[in-house]
C-alpha atoms as a PDB file:
ATOM      1  CA  UNK A   1      73.919 -33.303  80.014  1.00  0.00           C
ATOM      2  CA  UNK A   2      72.394 -30.467  81.986  1.00  0.00           C
ATOM      3  CA  UNK A   3      69.311 -29.120  80.222  1.00  0.00           C
ATOM      4  CA  UNK A   4      70.092 -25.504  81.152  1.00  0.00           C
ATOM      5  CA  UNK A   5      73.215 -25.727  79.004  1.00  0.00           C
ATOM      6  CA  UNK A   6      71.302 -26.802  75.897  1.00  0.00           C
ATOM      7  CA  UNK A   7      70.493 -24.376  73.131  1.00  0.00           C
ATOM      8  CA  UNK A   8      67.025 -24.475  71.622  1.00  0.00           C
ATOM      9  CA  UNK A   9      68.345 -26.378  68.611  1.00  0.00           C
ATOM     10  CA  UNK A  10      70.188 -28.930  70.741  1.00  0.00           C
ATOM     11  CA  UNK A  11      67.133 -29.582  72.917  1.00  0.00           C
ATOM     12  CA  UNK A  12      64.865 -29.833  69.859  1.00  0.00           C
ATOM     13  CA  UNK A  13      67.201 -32.260  68.073  1.00  0.00           C
ATOM     14  CA  UNK A  14      67.525 -34.473  71.135  1.00  0.00           C
ATOM     15  CA  UNK A  15      63.736 -34.394  71.590  1.00  0.00           C
ATOM     16  CA  UNK A  16      63.280 -35.532  67.982  1.00  0.00           C
ATOM     17  CA  UNK A  17      65.690 -38.413  68.640  1.00  0.00           C
ATOM     18  CA  UNK A  18      63.850 -39.411  71.830  1.00  0.00           C
ATOM     19  CA  UNK A  19      60.508 -39.451  70.060  1.00  0.00           C
ATOM     20  CA  UNK A  20      61.964 -41.558  67.246  1.00  0.00           C
ATOM     21  CA  UNK A  21      63.326 -44.083  69.750  1.00  0.00           C
ATOM     22  CA  UNK A  22      59.962 -44.284  71.525  1.00  0.00           C
ATOM     23  CA  UNK A  23      58.082 -44.668  68.245  1.00  0.00           C
ATOM     24  CA  UNK A  24      60.465 -47.394  67.061  1.00  0.00           C
ATOM     25  CA  UNK A  25      59.539 -49.524  70.071  1.00  0.00           C
ATOM     26  CA  UNK A  26      61.597 -52.390  71.366  1.00  0.00           C
ATOM     27  CA  UNK A  27      62.747 -50.590  74.517  1.00  0.00           C
ATOM     28  CA  UNK A  28      62.095 -52.072  77.938  1.00  0.00           C
ATOM     29  CA  UNK A  29      59.411 -50.489  80.089  1.00  0.00           C
ATOM     30  CA  UNK A  30      62.070 -48.898  82.299  1.00  0.00           C
ATOM     31  CA  UNK A  31      63.970 -47.479  79.309  1.00  0.00           C
ATOM     32  CA  UNK A  32      60.734 -46.201  77.777  1.00  0.00           C
ATOM     33  CA  UNK A  33      59.857 -44.386  80.993  1.00  0.00           C
ATOM     34  CA  UNK A  34      63.322 -42.826  81.137  1.00  0.00           C
ATOM     35  CA  UNK A  35      63.006 -41.727  77.512  1.00  0.00           C
ATOM     36  CA  UNK A  36      59.541 -40.284  78.186  1.00  0.00           C
ATOM     37  CA  UNK A  37      60.815 -38.320  81.191  1.00  0.00           C
ATOM     38  CA  UNK A  38      63.781 -37.011  79.206  1.00  0.00           C
ATOM     39  CA  UNK A  39      61.429 -36.010  76.396  1.00  0.00           C
ATOM     40  CA  UNK A  40      59.185 -34.119  78.801  1.00  0.00           C
ATOM     41  CA  UNK A  41      62.179 -32.250  80.212  1.00  0.00           C
ATOM     42  CA  UNK A  42      63.459 -31.449  76.711  1.00  0.00           C
ATOM     43  CA  UNK A  43      60.039 -30.211  75.629  1.00  0.00           C
ATOM     44  CA  UNK A  44      59.909 -27.947  78.687  1.00  0.00           C
ATOM     45  CA  UNK A  45      63.375 -26.571  77.846  1.00  0.00           C
ATOM     46  CA  UNK A  46      62.275 -25.819  74.285  1.00  0.00           C
ATOM     47  CA  UNK A  47      59.192 -24.053  75.666  1.00  0.00           C
ATOM     48  CA  UNK A  48      61.426 -21.932  77.937  1.00  0.00           C
ATOM     49  CA  UNK A  49      63.380 -20.794  74.883  1.00  0.00           C
ATOM     50  CA  UNK A  50      60.205 -20.016  72.927  1.00  0.00           C
ATOM     51  CA  UNK A  51      58.628 -18.152  75.846  1.00  0.00           C
ATOM     52  CA  UNK A  52      61.813 -16.107  76.285  1.00  0.00           C
ATOM     53  CA  UNK A  53      61.892 -15.285  72.595  1.00  0.00           C
ATOM     54  CA  UNK A  54      58.240 -14.209  72.700  1.00  0.00           C
ATOM     55  CA  UNK A  55      58.906 -11.930  75.684  1.00  0.00           C
ATOM     56  CA  UNK A  56      61.883 -10.388  73.925  1.00  0.00           C
ATOM     57  CA  UNK A  57      59.833  -9.750  70.782  1.00  0.00           C
ATOM     58  CA  UNK A  58      56.919  -8.296  72.726  1.00  0.00           C
ATOM     59  CA  UNK A  59      59.251  -6.100  74.724  1.00  0.00           C
ATOM     60  CA  UNK A  60      61.082  -4.811  71.653  1.00  0.00           C
ATOM     61  CA  UNK A  61      57.744  -3.949  70.034  1.00  0.00           C
ATOM     62  CA  UNK A  62      56.507  -2.345  73.240  1.00  0.00           C
ATOM     63  CA  UNK A  63      53.283  -4.381  73.338  1.00  0.00           C
ATOM     64  CA  UNK A  64      54.034  -7.089  75.872  1.00  0.00           C
ATOM     65  CA  UNK A  65      53.424  -7.287  79.632  1.00  0.00           C
ATOM     66  CA  UNK A  66      57.114  -6.555  80.270  1.00  0.00           C
ATOM     67  CA  UNK A  67      56.880  -3.275  78.381  1.00  0.00           C
ATOM     68  CA  UNK A  68      53.599  -2.291  80.056  1.00  0.00           C
ATOM     69  CA  UNK A  69      54.907  -2.874  83.570  1.00  0.00           C
ATOM     70  CA  UNK A  70      58.429  -1.668  83.002  1.00  0.00           C
ATOM     71  CA  UNK A  71      60.001  -5.055  83.797  1.00  0.00           C
ATOM     72  CA  UNK A  72      63.137  -5.852  81.843  1.00  0.00           C
ATOM     73  CA  UNK A  73      63.347  -8.999  79.757  1.00  0.00           C
ATOM     74  CA  UNK A  74      66.803  -9.761  81.122  1.00  0.00           C
ATOM     75  CA  UNK A  75      65.361 -10.038  84.619  1.00  0.00           C
ATOM     76  CA  UNK A  76      62.637 -12.421  83.477  1.00  0.00           C
ATOM     77  CA  UNK A  77      65.109 -14.614  81.602  1.00  0.00           C
ATOM     78  CA  UNK A  78      68.169 -14.312  83.817  1.00  0.00           C
ATOM     79  CA  UNK A  79      68.623 -18.089  84.008  1.00  0.00           C
ATOM     80  CA  UNK A  80      67.939 -18.710  80.317  1.00  0.00           C
ATOM     81  CA  UNK A  81      70.990 -18.554  78.105  1.00  0.00           C
ATOM     82  CA  UNK A  82      70.371 -16.436  75.056  1.00  0.00           C
ATOM     83  CA  UNK A  83      71.327 -17.560  71.547  1.00  0.00           C
ATOM     84  CA  UNK A  84      74.961 -16.982  70.783  1.00  0.00           C
ATOM     85  CA  UNK A  85      76.037 -17.714  74.352  1.00  0.00           C
ATOM     86  CA  UNK A  86      75.028 -14.327  75.832  1.00  0.00           C
ATOM     87  CA  UNK A  87      73.203 -14.368  79.126  1.00  0.00           C
END
């Protein structure tokens, strides 16, 4: 599944499952590497969501870099799907 289509909760849940599989052991080296890479990508997707949420909060409070420079949050997060399916 494409990571850009995952909500924060979906990415987080899949990341938890990947970590559990890695911690359980028993996977081949190749499978472990694939799991690790998927986990890294999922963690990055979660961080994108969290960073976007932080920018939105800062902007709404008027104390973030976006508010200080007049940049809109929508422009900074144009490729990040917002919760509820809105873009």
